[in-house]
Amino acid sequence: MSKKGLEIQRNYPLNKKVKEFFWGGWCMQALWNYERQMNTAFMWGISKTIDRLYPDPEEDEKKKEAYRRSLEFFNITPQFGAFVLGLTAAMEEEYADNPETFDPKMINSVKVALMGPLSGIGDSLFQGTVRVIAMSIGISLAQQGSILGPILAMLISFGVSFPITWFGAKLGYLNGQKYLEQISKSNLMDKIMYGCSVAGLMVIGGMVASLVNITTPLAYGEALQLQVILDGIMPKLIPLALTGVMYFLVKKGVKPMVVIISCFIVGIILNYFGILAI
């Protein structure tokens, strides 16, 4: 494999790389979709890195592979998206440099493993703290008729988000390179992959339990309630079963949009007849 792209990427100015990751994080909610959520914004944020790594026409397949990898499901607090973009760029560089020894599956495994913890921190910080403080001050001033209300609210939000997004991108890229070098030298790749896979499965399991809120109201008098029986067997059994069905259909080649529309239709019918409830 040609090392031309790797040389181009590593000689590219650091601040310009960070700027790409910054804007990728800043626009993380753009083109949000129900199927893979922030995946298109993530791909846009790292697309220039991929283009530099694979500049020659004979490397188009590698470039397409990297694009497809970047379009996997992704969802995170936007301000922390730049950190993951920087880290992913460092991993893409490592893969381009050592395609025989670096497993590209690790890239998405690390992304999935980071989504949950970073979103938990980010939502608490930005949505639960910064936004509340900013809006409280802004609304208080606006109620007094001051134009400073909305301006100050936006400035407080921006003043916290901007440095975290910018320096997060830089930290993810630079530290990602450093840690990947250490991992490669110590042969820890398999253990890291295993840990990321376990963390990823825990995140997805938590999302199923917390986001898929479906129960059944079926009952025979007060004594026999189906939902209570199912909870006794396993809490959230219905969400788990329905998620398994969705996964099975997608693996069989059914288009995700068809699955989503079918869920709406079947859900309305079953809710109407009192079989399922939200």
Protein backbone atom coordinates (compact mmCIF):
# COMPACT_ATOMS: atom_id res chain seq x y z
CA MET A 1 0.00 0.00 0.00
CA SER A 2 1.23 3.49 -0.90
CA LYS A 3 2.43 5.65 2.01
CA LYS A 4 1.80 8.84 0.06
CA GLY A 5 -1.53 9.54 1.78
CA LEU A 6 -0.08 8.91 5.22
CA GLU A 7 2.71 11.39 4.55
CA ILE A 8 0.19 13.98 3.33
CA GLN A 9 -1.95 13.51 6.44
CA ARG A 10 0.93 13.70 8.92
CA ASN A 11 2.40 16.80 7.25
CA TYR A 12 -0.96 18.56 7.22
CA PRO A 13 -1.05 21.41 9.79
CA LEU A 14 -2.39 20.31 13.17
CA ASN A 15 -4.62 23.37 13.63
CA LYS A 16 -6.34 22.68 10.30
CA LYS A 17 -7.03 19.08 11.35
CA VAL A 18 -8.41 20.25 14.68
CA LYS A 19 -10.59 22.78 12.86
CA GLU A 20 -12.11 19.94 10.80
CA PHE A 21 -12.89 17.92 13.93
CA PHE A 22 -14.21 21.04 15.68
CA TRP A 23 -16.71 21.80 12.92
CA GLY A 24 -17.62 18.14 12.71
CA GLY A 25 -18.52 18.23 16.42
CA TRP A 26 -20.18 21.65 16.16
CA CYS A 27 -22.45 20.39 13.35
CA MET A 28 -23.01 16.95 14.89
CA GLN A 29 -26.81 17.37 14.87
CA ALA A 30 -26.91 18.18 11.14
CA LEU A 31 -28.72 15.58 9.00
CA TRP A 32 -29.76 13.68 12.14
CA ASN A 33 -31.76 10.60 11.18
CA TYR A 34 -33.71 7.89 13.01
CA GLU A 35 -31.70 5.04 11.51
CA ARG A 36 -28.12 5.97 12.46
CA GLN A 37 -28.66 9.36 14.10
CA MET A 38 -25.41 11.45 13.87
CA ASN A 39 -23.56 9.21 11.42
CA THR A 40 -23.63 11.58 8.42
CA ALA A 41 -22.23 14.49 10.44
CA PHE A 42 -19.53 12.21 11.83
CA MET A 43 -18.59 11.06 8.33
CA TRP A 44 -18.44 14.68 7.13
CA GLY A 45 -16.19 15.60 10.06
CA ILE A 46 -13.65 12.91 9.20
CA SER A 47 -14.07 12.83 5.39
CA LYS A 48 -11.12 15.14 4.69
CA THR A 49 -8.85 12.96 6.82
CA ILE A 50 -9.93 9.92 4.79
CA ASP A 51 -9.45 11.78 1.50
CA ARG A 52 -5.89 12.71 2.47
CA LEU A 53 -5.06 9.16 3.60
CA TYR A 54 -6.21 7.61 0.31
CA PRO A 55 -5.47 10.18 -2.45
CA ASP A 56 -4.74 7.78 -5.34
CA PRO A 57 -7.45 6.24 -7.59
CA GLU A 58 -6.11 2.72 -6.93
CA GLU A 59 -6.95 3.24 -3.23
CA ASP A 60 -10.61 4.02 -3.88
CA GLU A 61 -11.76 0.74 -2.30
CA LYS A 62 -9.90 1.57 0.91
CA LYS A 63 -11.46 5.03 0.87
CA LYS A 64 -14.96 3.59 0.38
CA GLU A 65 -14.35 1.14 3.20
CA ALA A 66 -13.37 4.02 5.50
CA TYR A 67 -16.45 6.02 4.47
CA ARG A 68 -18.72 3.04 5.21
CA ARG A 69 -16.99 2.59 8.56
CA SER A 70 -17.67 6.24 9.40
CA LEU A 71 -21.37 5.92 8.54
CA GLU A 72 -22.12 3.40 11.27
CA PHE A 73 -24.55 4.34 14.05
CA PHE A 74 -23.28 7.22 16.18
CA ASN A 75 -24.90 9.35 18.85
CA ILE A 76 -23.20 11.55 21.44
CA THR A 77 -23.38 14.92 23.17
CA PRO A 78 -22.29 17.12 20.20
CA GLN A 79 -19.59 19.00 22.14
CA PHE A 80 -17.79 15.69 22.78
CA GLY A 81 -18.18 14.53 19.19
CA ALA A 82 -15.01 16.43 18.23
CA PHE A 83 -12.99 14.39 20.74
CA VAL A 84 -14.18 11.13 19.17
CA LEU A 85 -13.50 12.50 15.68
CA GLY A 86 -9.91 13.31 16.65
CA LEU A 87 -9.40 9.90 18.22
CA THR A 88 -10.94 8.16 15.19
CA ALA A 89 -8.65 10.12 12.84
CA ALA A 90 -5.64 8.90 14.82
CA MET A 91 -6.90 5.31 14.51
CA GLU A 92 -7.52 5.72 10.77
CA GLU A 93 -3.91 6.90 10.41
CA GLU A 94 -2.69 3.87 12.34
CA TYR A 95 -4.72 1.55 10.13
CA ALA A 96 -3.39 3.21 6.98
CA ASP A 97 0.15 2.80 8.31
CA ASN A 98 -0.24 -0.80 9.56
CA PRO A 99 -3.14 -2.48 7.72
CA GLU A 100 -1.75 -5.96 8.42
CA THR A 101 -1.59 -5.61 12.21
CA PHE A 102 -4.29 -3.03 13.04
CA ASP A 103 -7.84 -4.39 13.09
CA PRO A 104 -10.20 -1.73 11.61
CA LYS A 105 -13.07 -3.16 13.69
CA MET A 106 -11.42 -1.51 16.67
CA ILE A 107 -12.30 1.92 15.26
CA ASN A 108 -16.06 1.42 15.55
CA SER A 109 -15.69 -0.55 18.78
CA VAL A 110 -13.96 2.41 20.42
CA LYS A 111 -16.60 4.81 19.05
CA VAL A 112 -19.44 2.71 20.49
CA ALA A 113 -17.64 2.31 23.81
CA LEU A 114 -17.22 6.10 24.17
CA MET A 115 -20.77 7.10 23.23
CA GLY A 116 -22.43 6.17 26.53
CA PRO A 117 -19.93 7.49 29.09
CA LEU A 118 -19.22 10.74 27.23
CA SER A 119 -22.92 11.38 26.59
CA GLY A 120 -23.68 10.83 30.27
CA ILE A 121 -21.06 13.41 31.27
CA GLY A 122 -21.88 15.77 28.41
CA ASP A 123 -25.65 15.81 28.88
CA SER A 124 -25.26 16.45 32.60
CA LEU A 125 -22.77 19.26 31.99
CA PHE A 126 -24.23 21.01 28.96
CA GLN A 127 -27.97 20.23 29.13
CA GLY A 128 -28.38 19.85 32.88
CA THR A 129 -26.01 22.58 34.12
CA VAL A 130 -24.71 25.10 31.57
CA ARG A 131 -27.99 25.49 29.68
CA VAL A 132 -30.01 25.83 32.91
CA ILE A 133 -27.67 28.53 34.25
CA ALA A 134 -27.49 30.37 30.91
CA MET A 135 -31.25 30.32 30.37
CA SER A 136 -31.99 31.29 33.97
CA ILE A 137 -29.82 34.40 33.68
CA GLY A 138 -31.11 35.15 30.18
CA ILE A 139 -34.80 34.78 31.08
CA SER A 140 -34.36 36.88 34.22
CA LEU A 141 -32.90 39.75 32.19
CA ALA A 142 -35.42 39.31 29.36
CA GLN A 143 -38.33 39.58 31.84
CA GLN A 144 -36.95 42.97 32.82
CA GLY A 145 -37.07 44.01 29.17
CA SER A 146 -33.30 43.84 28.62
CA ILE A 147 -31.97 42.80 25.20
CA LEU A 148 -28.96 41.38 27.05
CA GLY A 149 -31.09 38.41 28.14
CA PRO A 150 -30.91 36.25 24.99
CA ILE A 151 -27.46 37.58 24.08
CA LEU A 152 -25.97 36.67 27.47
CA ALA A 153 -27.65 33.24 27.42
CA MET A 154 -26.04 32.47 24.05
CA LEU A 155 -22.65 33.85 25.11
CA ILE A 156 -22.55 31.71 28.27
CA SER A 157 -23.48 28.58 26.31
CA PHE A 158 -20.96 29.37 23.57
CA GLY A 159 -18.22 30.32 26.05
CA VAL A 160 -18.36 26.85 27.64
CA SER A 161 -18.99 24.80 24.49
CA PHE A 162 -16.32 26.35 22.26
CA PRO A 163 -13.15 25.57 24.28
CA ILE A 164 -14.35 22.08 25.24
CA THR A 165 -15.13 21.22 21.62
CA TRP A 166 -11.85 22.70 20.29
CA PHE A 167 -9.48 21.28 22.88
CA GLY A 168 -11.40 18.00 22.97
CA ALA A 169 -10.67 17.57 19.25
CA LYS A 170 -6.99 18.31 19.82
CA LEU A 171 -6.77 16.03 22.87
CA GLY A 172 -8.47 13.14 21.07
CA TYR A 173 -6.15 13.36 18.07
CA LEU A 174 -2.83 13.84 19.86
CA ASN A 175 -3.48 11.44 22.73
CA GLY A 176 -5.00 8.95 20.33
CA GLN A 177 -1.72 8.80 18.42
CA LYS A 178 0.27 8.42 21.65
CA TYR A 179 -1.92 5.65 23.09
CA LEU A 180 -2.07 3.75 19.80
CA GLU A 181 1.72 3.69 19.68
CA GLN A 182 1.84 2.31 23.22
CA ILE A 183 -0.81 -0.30 22.45
CA SER A 184 0.99 -1.43 19.29
CA LYS A 185 4.30 -1.82 21.15
CA SER A 186 2.80 -3.76 24.07
CA ASN A 187 0.54 -6.10 22.02
CA LEU A 188 -2.54 -5.04 23.95
CA MET A 189 -4.72 -4.75 20.84
CA ASP A 190 -6.74 -7.95 21.43
CA LYS A 191 -7.45 -7.01 25.05
CA ILE A 192 -8.49 -3.49 24.05
CA MET A 193 -10.77 -4.90 21.34
CA TYR A 194 -12.39 -7.27 23.83
CA GLY A 195 -12.89 -4.51 26.39
CA CYS A 196 -14.38 -2.15 23.80
CA SER A 197 -16.73 -4.88 22.56
CA VAL A 198 -17.97 -5.57 26.10
CA ALA A 199 -18.42 -1.85 26.78
CA GLY A 200 -20.23 -1.43 23.46
CA LEU A 201 -22.64 -4.25 24.25
CA MET A 202 -23.31 -2.73 27.68
CA VAL A 203 -24.10 0.65 26.07
CA ILE A 204 -26.48 -0.92 23.53
CA GLY A 205 -28.12 -3.02 26.27
CA GLY A 206 -28.62 0.09 28.41
CA MET A 207 -30.11 1.97 25.44
CA VAL A 208 -32.59 -0.86 24.80
CA ALA A 209 -33.68 -0.93 28.46
CA SER A 210 -34.03 2.86 28.79
CA LEU A 211 -35.26 3.95 25.34
CA VAL A 212 -37.56 1.11 24.24
CA ASN A 213 -40.45 1.66 26.64
CA ILE A 214 -43.11 -0.88 25.61
CA THR A 215 -45.38 -2.86 27.95
CA THR A 216 -48.53 -4.95 27.65
CA PRO A 217 -51.80 -4.07 29.44
CA LEU A 218 -53.20 -7.59 28.93
CA ALA A 219 -54.71 -8.90 32.16
CA TYR A 220 -57.35 -11.25 33.52
CA GLY A 221 -58.91 -9.38 36.38
CA GLU A 222 -56.66 -8.05 39.14
CA ALA A 223 -55.02 -11.40 39.84
CA LEU A 224 -53.40 -12.11 36.49
CA GLN A 225 -51.49 -9.29 34.83
CA LEU A 226 -49.21 -10.35 32.00
CA GLN A 227 -46.75 -7.48 32.44
CA VAL A 228 -46.18 -8.36 36.10
CA ILE A 229 -45.51 -11.99 35.13
CA LEU A 230 -43.06 -10.95 32.39
CA ASP A 231 -41.26 -8.59 34.79
CA GLY A 232 -40.89 -11.49 37.19
CA ILE A 233 -39.22 -13.54 34.47
CA MET A 234 -37.02 -10.68 33.21
CA PRO A 235 -37.55 -6.90 33.43
CA LYS A 236 -37.83 -5.22 30.01
CA LEU A 237 -38.43 -8.59 28.32
CA ILE A 238 -40.75 -7.12 25.66
CA PRO A 239 -38.30 -4.35 24.62
CA LEU A 240 -35.51 -6.94 24.43
CA ALA A 241 -37.61 -9.31 22.30
CA LEU A 242 -38.74 -6.54 19.94
CA THR A 243 -35.18 -5.26 19.56
CA GLY A 244 -34.10 -8.82 18.73
CA VAL A 245 -36.79 -9.01 16.04
CA MET A 246 -35.65 -5.68 14.55
CA TYR A 247 -32.03 -6.85 14.54
CA PHE A 248 -33.02 -10.14 12.89
CA LEU A 249 -34.95 -8.33 10.13
CA VAL A 250 -32.11 -5.90 9.41
CA LYS A 251 -29.58 -8.77 9.28
CA LYS A 252 -31.87 -10.51 6.79
CA GLY A 253 -31.60 -7.50 4.49
CA VAL A 254 -34.84 -5.67 5.29
CA LYS A 255 -34.26 -1.93 4.88
CA PRO A 256 -34.22 -0.03 8.21
CA MET A 257 -36.77 2.50 6.95
CA VAL A 258 -39.19 -0.34 6.16
CA VAL A 259 -38.67 -1.66 9.70
CA ILE A 260 -39.32 1.80 11.20
CA ILE A 261 -42.54 2.34 9.21
CA SER A 262 -43.69 -1.19 10.04
CA CYS A 263 -43.13 -0.45 13.74
CA PHE A 264 -45.39 2.61 13.49
CA ILE A 265 -48.18 0.69 11.72
CA VAL A 266 -48.01 -2.49 13.82
CA GLY A 267 -47.62 -0.43 17.02
CA ILE A 268 -50.78 1.59 16.29
CA ILE A 269 -52.76 -1.58 15.55
CA LEU A 270 -51.58 -3.45 18.65
CA ASN A 271 -52.15 -0.37 20.83
CA TYR A 272 -55.68 0.02 19.44
CA PHE A 273 -56.55 -3.55 20.38
CA GLY A 274 -54.98 -3.17 23.83
CA ILE A 275 -52.17 -5.67 23.27
CA LEU A 276 -49.20 -3.30 23.66
CA ALA A 277 -48.84 0.09 25.34
CA ILE A 278 -46.16 2.77 25.60
